[in-house]
Amino acid sequence: MCGASASATLHYDYQARTAWLDSLGTDSVPGAWAVCAGHADTLRVPSGWRLIDQRTSAPVAPIGRSELDYRPPLAV
């Protein structure tokens, strides 16, 4: 956990390979995760998955230069 206040709810549907973000609700939904704005705004899903952002005011997070230059390490 990052310690920041939660601002969104993250849900997964593994069978449909879909993740979605909703505005933070007061309901406790099984399988849902409360996430902070920073993590919600920069969330990336696995290749082949779809991310649906249903938050009422979803800000667009800028991509930093280091993210554009990132190359994953080679497997040894």
PDB file of N, CA and C in Angstrom:
ATOM      1  N   MET A   1       0.833  -1.175   0.000  1.00  0.00           N
ATOM      2  CA  MET A   1       0.000   0.000   0.000  1.00  0.00           C
ATOM      3  C   MET A   1       0.875   1.235   0.000  1.00  0.00           C
ATOM      4  N   CYS A   2       0.395   2.295  -0.636  1.00  0.00           N
ATOM      5  CA  CYS A   2       1.209   3.486  -0.760  1.00  0.00           C
ATOM      6  C   CYS A   2       0.945   4.500   0.352  1.00  0.00           C
ATOM      7  N   GLY A   3      -0.146   4.406   1.059  1.00  0.00           N
ATOM      8  CA  GLY A   3      -0.443   5.319   2.143  1.00  0.00           C
ATOM      9  C   GLY A   3      -1.264   6.529   1.755  1.00  0.00           C
ATOM     10  N   ALA A   4      -1.457   6.782   0.471  1.00  0.00           N
ATOM     11  CA  ALA A   4      -2.292   7.902   0.020  1.00  0.00           C
ATOM     12  C   ALA A   4      -3.766   7.532   0.172  1.00  0.00           C
ATOM     13  N   SER A   5      -4.613   8.532   0.253  1.00  0.00           N
ATOM     14  CA  SER A   5      -6.056   8.287   0.387  1.00  0.00           C
ATOM     15  C   SER A   5      -6.623   7.689  -0.893  1.00  0.00           C
ATOM     16  N   ALA A   6      -7.516   6.735  -0.731  1.00  0.00           N
ATOM     17  CA  ALA A   6      -8.162   6.110  -1.892  1.00  0.00           C
ATOM     18  C   ALA A   6      -9.080   7.105  -2.577  1.00  0.00           C
ATOM     19  N   SER A   7      -9.111   7.043  -3.914  1.00  0.00           N
ATOM     20  CA  SER A   7      -9.980   7.929  -4.676  1.00  0.00           C
ATOM     21  C   SER A   7     -10.720   7.198  -5.788  1.00  0.00           C
ATOM     22  N   ALA A   8     -10.433   5.925  -5.972  1.00  0.00           N
ATOM     23  CA  ALA A   8     -11.074   5.150  -7.033  1.00  0.00           C
ATOM     24  C   ALA A   8     -11.167   3.692  -6.602  1.00  0.00           C
ATOM     25  N   THR A   9     -12.017   2.958  -7.296  1.00  0.00           N
ATOM     26  CA  THR A   9     -12.169   1.531  -7.056  1.00  0.00           C
ATOM     27  C   THR A   9     -11.755   0.789  -8.316  1.00  0.00           C
ATOM     28  N   LEU A  10     -10.884  -0.191  -8.165  1.00  0.00           N
ATOM     29  CA  LEU A  10     -10.380  -0.995  -9.270  1.00  0.00           C
ATOM     30  C   LEU A  10     -11.046  -2.359  -9.233  1.00  0.00           C
ATOM     31  N   HIS A  11     -11.566  -2.786 -10.376  1.00  0.00           N
ATOM     32  CA  HIS A  11     -12.217  -4.091 -10.516  1.00  0.00           C
ATOM     33  C   HIS A  11     -11.530  -4.855 -11.645  1.00  0.00           C
ATOM     34  N   TYR A  12     -11.524  -6.174 -11.540  1.00  0.00           N
ATOM     35  CA  TYR A  12     -10.980  -7.039 -12.587  1.00  0.00           C
ATOM     36  C   TYR A  12     -12.021  -8.056 -13.000  1.00  0.00           C
ATOM     37  N   ASP A  13     -12.039  -8.376 -14.294  1.00  0.00           N
ATOM     38  CA  ASP A  13     -12.800  -9.505 -14.803  1.00  0.00           C
ATOM     39  C   ASP A  13     -11.790 -10.348 -15.582  1.00  0.00           C
ATOM     40  N   TYR A  14     -11.254 -11.359 -14.921  1.00  0.00           N
ATOM     41  CA  TYR A  14     -10.186 -12.146 -15.517  1.00  0.00           C
ATOM     42  C   TYR A  14     -10.634 -12.862 -16.786  1.00  0.00           C
ATOM     43  N   GLN A  15     -11.844 -13.374 -16.803  1.00  0.00           N
ATOM     44  CA  GLN A  15     -12.322 -14.106 -17.969  1.00  0.00           C
ATOM     45  C   GLN A  15     -12.425 -13.191 -19.188  1.00  0.00           C
ATOM     46  N   ALA A  16     -12.878 -11.952 -18.990  1.00  0.00           N
ATOM     47  CA  ALA A  16     -13.014 -10.997 -20.089  1.00  0.00           C
ATOM     48  C   ALA A  16     -11.725 -10.216 -20.337  1.00  0.00           C
ATOM     49  N   ARG A  17     -10.698 -10.463 -19.513  1.00  0.00           N
ATOM     50  CA  ARG A  17      -9.433  -9.742 -19.607  1.00  0.00           C
ATOM     51  C   ARG A  17      -9.663  -8.229 -19.613  1.00  0.00           C
ATOM     52  N   THR A  18     -10.435  -7.794 -18.645  1.00  0.00           N
ATOM     53  CA  THR A  18     -10.800  -6.383 -18.527  1.00  0.00           C
ATOM     54  C   THR A  18     -10.611  -5.914 -17.096  1.00  0.00           C
ATOM     55  N   ALA A  19     -10.090  -4.717 -16.953  1.00  0.00           N
ATOM     56  CA  ALA A  19     -10.008  -4.050 -15.661  1.00  0.00           C
ATOM     57  C   ALA A  19     -10.727  -2.720 -15.824  1.00  0.00           C
ATOM     58  N   TRP A  20     -11.390  -2.276 -14.764  1.00  0.00           N
ATOM     59  CA  TRP A  20     -12.034  -0.970 -14.862  1.00  0.00           C
ATOM     60  C   TRP A  20     -11.932  -0.219 -13.557  1.00  0.00           C
ATOM     61  N   LEU A  21     -11.921   1.096 -13.710  1.00  0.00           N
ATOM     62  CA  LEU A  21     -11.860   2.003 -12.575  1.00  0.00           C
ATOM     63  C   LEU A  21     -13.193   2.714 -12.453  1.00  0.00           C
ATOM     64  N   ASP A  22     -13.689   2.803 -11.239  1.00  0.00           N
ATOM     65  CA  ASP A  22     -14.911   3.554 -10.930  1.00  0.00           C
ATOM     66  C   ASP A  22     -14.559   4.612  -9.899  1.00  0.00           C
ATOM     67  N   SER A  23     -15.407   5.621  -9.786  1.00  0.00           N
ATOM     68  CA  SER A  23     -15.253   6.569  -8.688  1.00  0.00           C
ATOM     69  C   SER A  23     -15.365   5.798  -7.386  1.00  0.00           C
ATOM     70  N   LEU A  24     -14.687   6.270  -6.373  1.00  0.00           N
ATOM     71  CA  LEU A  24     -14.692   5.577  -5.094  1.00  0.00           C
ATOM     72  C   LEU A  24     -16.099   5.540  -4.524  1.00  0.00           C
ATOM     73  N   GLY A  25     -16.563   4.354  -4.240  1.00  0.00           N
ATOM     74  CA  GLY A  25     -17.892   4.184  -3.674  1.00  0.00           C
ATOM     75  C   GLY A  25     -17.822   3.828  -2.206  1.00  0.00           C
ATOM     76  N   THR A  26     -18.953   3.832  -1.583  1.00  0.00           N
ATOM     77  CA  THR A  26     -19.009   3.461  -0.176  1.00  0.00           C
ATOM     78  C   THR A  26     -19.309   1.982  -0.004  1.00  0.00           C
ATOM     79  N   ASP A  27     -19.720   1.319  -1.081  1.00  0.00           N
ATOM     80  CA  ASP A  27     -20.025  -0.112  -1.022  1.00  0.00           C
ATOM     81  C   ASP A  27     -18.740  -0.931  -0.986  1.00  0.00           C
ATOM     82  N   SER A  28     -18.763  -1.989  -0.233  1.00  0.00           N
ATOM     83  CA  SER A  28     -17.646  -2.923  -0.203  1.00  0.00           C
ATOM     84  C   SER A  28     -17.975  -4.053  -1.170  1.00  0.00           C
ATOM     85  N   VAL A  29     -17.344  -4.045  -2.319  1.00  0.00           N
ATOM     86  CA  VAL A  29     -17.602  -5.038  -3.353  1.00  0.00           C
ATOM     87  C   VAL A  29     -16.496  -6.084  -3.307  1.00  0.00           C
ATOM     88  N   PRO A  30     -16.853  -7.363  -3.183  1.00  0.00           N
ATOM     89  CA  PRO A  30     -15.819  -8.407  -3.174  1.00  0.00           C
ATOM     90  C   PRO A  30     -14.991  -8.352  -4.454  1.00  0.00           C
ATOM     91  N   GLY A  31     -13.699  -8.457  -4.322  1.00  0.00           N
ATOM     92  CA  GLY A  31     -12.830  -8.440  -5.488  1.00  0.00           C
ATOM     93  C   GLY A  31     -12.488  -7.061  -5.997  1.00  0.00           C
ATOM     94  N   ALA A  32     -12.942  -6.016  -5.321  1.00  0.00           N
ATOM     95  CA  ALA A  32     -12.630  -4.649  -5.732  1.00  0.00           C
ATOM     96  C   ALA A  32     -11.521  -4.107  -4.837  1.00  0.00           C
ATOM     97  N   TRP A  33     -10.716  -3.236  -5.394  1.00  0.00           N
ATOM     98  CA  TRP A  33      -9.586  -2.669  -4.672  1.00  0.00           C
ATOM     99  C   TRP A  33      -9.705  -1.152  -4.660  1.00  0.00           C
ATOM    100  N   ALA A  34      -9.525  -0.552  -3.517  1.00  0.00           N
ATOM    101  CA  ALA A  34      -9.494   0.902  -3.407  1.00  0.00           C
ATOM    102  C   ALA A  34      -8.074   1.357  -3.724  1.00  0.00           C
ATOM    103  N   VAL A  35      -7.941   2.311  -4.645  1.00  0.00           N
ATOM    104  CA  VAL A  35      -6.623   2.806  -5.049  1.00  0.00           C
ATOM    105  C   VAL A  35      -6.585   4.327  -4.990  1.00  0.00           C
ATOM    106  N   CYS A  36      -5.394   4.866  -4.806  1.00  0.00           N
ATOM    107  CA  CYS A  36      -5.226   6.317  -4.756  1.00  0.00           C
ATOM    108  C   CYS A  36      -5.259   6.889  -6.174  1.00  0.00           C
ATOM    109  N   ALA A  37      -5.354   8.199  -6.274  1.00  0.00           N
ATOM    110  CA  ALA A  37      -5.412   8.868  -7.582  1.00  0.00           C
ATOM    111  C   ALA A  37      -4.145   8.616  -8.389  1.00  0.00           C
ATOM    112  N   GLY A  38      -3.004   8.671  -7.732  1.00  0.00           N
ATOM    113  CA  GLY A  38      -1.745   8.456  -8.448  1.00  0.00           C
ATOM    114  C   GLY A  38      -1.657   7.085  -9.094  1.00  0.00           C
ATOM    115  N   HIS A  39      -2.050   6.054  -8.358  1.00  0.00           N
ATOM    116  CA  HIS A  39      -2.019   4.708  -8.918  1.00  0.00           C
ATOM    117  C   HIS A  39      -3.127   4.503  -9.949  1.00  0.00           C
ATOM    118  N   ALA A  40      -4.291   5.075  -9.727  1.00  0.00           N
ATOM    119  CA  ALA A  40      -5.385   4.954 -10.696  1.00  0.00           C
ATOM    120  C   ALA A  40      -5.019   5.633 -12.013  1.00  0.00           C
ATOM    121  N   ASP A  41      -4.396   6.817 -11.919  1.00  0.00           N
ATOM    122  CA  ASP A  41      -4.061   7.585 -13.119  1.00  0.00           C
ATOM    123  C   ASP A  41      -2.959   6.955 -13.948  1.00  0.00           C
ATOM    124  N   THR A  42      -2.115   6.151 -13.329  1.00  0.00           N
ATOM    125  CA  THR A  42      -0.986   5.551 -14.049  1.00  0.00           C
ATOM    126  C   THR A  42      -1.125   4.039 -14.220  1.00  0.00           C
ATOM    127  N   LEU A  43      -2.295   3.515 -13.944  1.00  0.00           N
ATOM    128  CA  LEU A  43      -2.529   2.076 -14.027  1.00  0.00           C
ATOM    129  C   LEU A  43      -2.318   1.562 -15.445  1.00  0.00           C
ATOM    130  N   ARG A  44      -1.600   0.480 -15.544  1.00  0.00           N
ATOM    131  CA  ARG A  44      -1.391  -0.216 -16.820  1.00  0.00           C
ATOM    132  C   ARG A  44      -1.867  -1.646 -16.631  1.00  0.00           C
ATOM    133  N   VAL A  45      -2.497  -2.198 -17.664  1.00  0.00           N
ATOM    134  CA  VAL A  45      -2.992  -3.569 -17.592  1.00  0.00           C
ATOM    135  C   VAL A  45      -2.111  -4.460 -18.462  1.00  0.00           C
ATOM    136  N   PRO A  46      -2.157  -5.767 -18.244  1.00  0.00           N
ATOM    137  CA  PRO A  46      -1.333  -6.677 -19.044  1.00  0.00           C
ATOM    138  C   PRO A  46      -1.671  -6.601 -20.526  1.00  0.00           C
ATOM    139  N   SER A  47      -0.711  -6.964 -21.347  1.00  0.00           N
ATOM    140  CA  SER A  47      -0.908  -7.013 -22.791  1.00  0.00           C
ATOM    141  C   SER A  47      -2.105  -7.905 -23.115  1.00  0.00           C
ATOM    142  N   GLY A  48      -2.973  -7.432 -23.970  1.00  0.00           N
ATOM    143  CA  GLY A  48      -4.161  -8.188 -24.338  1.00  0.00           C
ATOM    144  C   GLY A  48      -5.373  -7.873 -23.481  1.00  0.00           C
ATOM    145  N   TRP A  49      -5.179  -7.084 -22.426  1.00  0.00           N
ATOM    146  CA  TRP A  49      -6.272  -6.670 -21.551  1.00  0.00           C
ATOM    147  C   TRP A  49      -6.775  -5.302 -21.971  1.00  0.00           C
ATOM    148  N   ARG A  50      -7.958  -4.971 -21.500  1.00  0.00           N
ATOM    149  CA  ARG A  50      -8.579  -3.675 -21.774  1.00  0.00           C
ATOM    150  C   ARG A  50      -8.805  -2.973 -20.438  1.00  0.00           C
ATOM    151  N   LEU A  51      -8.523  -1.678 -20.404  1.00  0.00           N
ATOM    152  CA  LEU A  51      -8.782  -0.864 -19.223  1.00  0.00           C
ATOM    153  C   LEU A  51      -9.901   0.111 -19.537  1.00  0.00           C
ATOM    154  N   ILE A  52     -10.937   0.085 -18.726  1.00  0.00           N
ATOM    155  CA  ILE A  52     -12.070   0.998 -18.884  1.00  0.00           C
ATOM    156  C   ILE A  52     -12.088   1.921 -17.676  1.00  0.00           C
ATOM    157  N   ASP A  53     -11.987   3.220 -17.926  1.00  0.00           N
ATOM    158  CA  ASP A  53     -11.981   4.205 -16.854  1.00  0.00           C
ATOM    159  C   ASP A  53     -13.356   4.857 -16.791  1.00  0.00           C
ATOM    160  N   GLN A  54     -14.123   4.503 -15.777  1.00  0.00           N
ATOM    161  CA  GLN A  54     -15.495   4.999 -15.622  1.00  0.00           C
ATOM    162  C   GLN A  54     -15.606   6.050 -14.528  1.00  0.00           C
ATOM    163  N   ARG A  55     -14.464   6.576 -14.069  1.00  0.00           N
ATOM    164  CA  ARG A  55     -14.523   7.602 -13.036  1.00  0.00           C
ATOM    165  C   ARG A  55     -15.191   8.850 -13.591  1.00  0.00           C
ATOM    166  N   THR A  56     -15.899   9.552 -12.741  1.00  0.00           N
ATOM    167  CA  THR A  56     -16.626  10.734 -13.196  1.00  0.00           C
ATOM    168  C   THR A  56     -15.693  11.859 -13.605  1.00  0.00           C
ATOM    169  N   SER A  57     -14.537  11.949 -13.001  1.00  0.00           N
ATOM    170  CA  SER A  57     -13.569  12.982 -13.381  1.00  0.00           C
ATOM    171  C   SER A  57     -12.189  12.367 -13.457  1.00  0.00           C
ATOM    172  N   ALA A  58     -11.966  11.607 -14.499  1.00  0.00           N
ATOM    173  CA  ALA A  58     -10.692  10.909 -14.653  1.00  0.00           C
ATOM    174  C   ALA A  58      -9.672  11.835 -15.290  1.00  0.00           C
ATOM    175  N   PRO A  59      -8.662  12.250 -14.540  1.00  0.00           N
ATOM    176  CA  PRO A  59      -7.627  13.096 -15.122  1.00  0.00           C
ATOM    177  C   PRO A  59      -6.714  12.288 -16.028  1.00  0.00           C
ATOM    178  N   VAL A  60      -6.082  12.961 -16.945  1.00  0.00           N
ATOM    179  CA  VAL A  60      -5.136  12.310 -17.838  1.00  0.00           C
ATOM    180  C   VAL A  60      -3.747  12.535 -17.271  1.00  0.00           C
ATOM    181  N   ALA A  61      -3.057  11.461 -16.988  1.00  0.00           N
ATOM    182  CA  ALA A  61      -1.716  11.559 -16.421  1.00  0.00           C
ATOM    183  C   ALA A  61      -0.699  11.671 -17.550  1.00  0.00           C
ATOM    184  N   PRO A  62       0.185  12.658 -17.482  1.00  0.00           N
ATOM    185  CA  PRO A  62       1.220  12.763 -18.513  1.00  0.00           C
ATOM    186  C   PRO A  62       2.204  11.616 -18.389  1.00  0.00           C
ATOM    187  N   ILE A  63       2.756  11.206 -19.504  1.00  0.00           N
ATOM    188  CA  ILE A  63       3.757  10.148 -19.516  1.00  0.00           C
ATOM    189  C   ILE A  63       5.115  10.811 -19.379  1.00  0.00           C
ATOM    190  N   GLY A  64       5.868  10.384 -18.398  1.00  0.00           N
ATOM    191  CA  GLY A  64       7.192  10.951 -18.165  1.00  0.00           C
ATOM    192  C   GLY A  64       8.201  10.436 -19.166  1.00  0.00           C
ATOM    193  N   ARG A  65       9.244  11.185 -19.377  1.00  0.00           N
ATOM    194  CA  ARG A  65      10.289  10.816 -20.323  1.00  0.00           C
ATOM    195  C   ARG A  65      10.889   9.453 -19.977  1.00  0.00           C
ATOM    196  N   SER A  66      11.079   9.176 -18.690  1.00  0.00           N
ATOM    197  CA  SER A  66      11.677   7.900 -18.293  1.00  0.00           C
ATOM    198  C   SER A  66      10.787   6.724 -18.706  1.00  0.00           C
ATOM    199  N   GLU A  67       9.466   6.923 -18.725  1.00  0.00           N
ATOM    200  CA  GLU A  67       8.563   5.844 -19.149  1.00  0.00           C
ATOM    201  C   GLU A  67       8.679   5.603 -20.647  1.00  0.00           C
ATOM    202  N   LEU A  68       8.918   6.666 -21.425  1.00  0.00           N
ATOM    203  CA  LEU A  68       9.048   6.523 -22.872  1.00  0.00           C
ATOM    204  C   LEU A  68      10.343   5.790 -23.234  1.00  0.00           C
ATOM    205  N   ASP A  69      11.392   5.984 -22.432  1.00  0.00           N
ATOM    206  CA  ASP A  69      12.691   5.386 -22.697  1.00  0.00           C
ATOM    207  C   ASP A  69      12.872   4.025 -22.044  1.00  0.00           C
ATOM    208  N   TYR A  70      11.907   3.579 -21.272  1.00  0.00           N
ATOM    209  CA  TYR A  70      12.042   2.330 -20.520  1.00  0.00           C
ATOM    210  C   TYR A  70      12.161   1.134 -21.444  1.00  0.00           C
ATOM    211  N   ARG A  71      13.132   0.298 -21.167  1.00  0.00           N
ATOM    212  CA  ARG A  71      13.291  -0.974 -21.866  1.00  0.00           C
ATOM    213  C   ARG A  71      13.354  -2.058 -20.795  1.00  0.00           C
ATOM    214  N   PRO A  72      12.512  -3.072 -20.869  1.00  0.00           N
ATOM    215  CA  PRO A  72      12.575  -4.132 -19.858  1.00  0.00           C
ATOM    216  C   PRO A  72      13.903  -4.869 -19.933  1.00  0.00           C
ATOM    217  N   PRO A  73      14.382  -5.372 -18.799  1.00  0.00           N
ATOM    218  CA  PRO A  73      15.656  -6.112 -18.803  1.00  0.00           C
ATOM    219  C   PRO A  73      15.508  -7.415 -19.586  1.00  0.00           C
ATOM    220  N   LEU A  74      16.603  -7.817 -20.177  1.00  0.00           N
ATOM    221  CA  LEU A  74      16.602  -9.076 -20.921  1.00  0.00           C
ATOM    222  C   LEU A  74      16.596 -10.245 -19.948  1.00  0.00           C
ATOM    223  N   ALA A  75      15.894 -11.287 -20.320  1.00  0.00           N
ATOM    224  CA  ALA A  75      15.852 -12.503 -19.495  1.00  0.00           C
ATOM    225  C   ALA A  75      17.218 -13.177 -19.560  1.00  0.00           C
ATOM    226  N   VAL A  76      17.648 -13.681 -18.435  1.00  0.00           N
ATOM    227  CA  VAL A  76      18.957 -14.357 -18.388  1.00  0.00           C
ATOM    228  C   VAL A  76      18.775 -15.835 -18.363  1.00  0.00           C
TER     229      VAL A  76
END
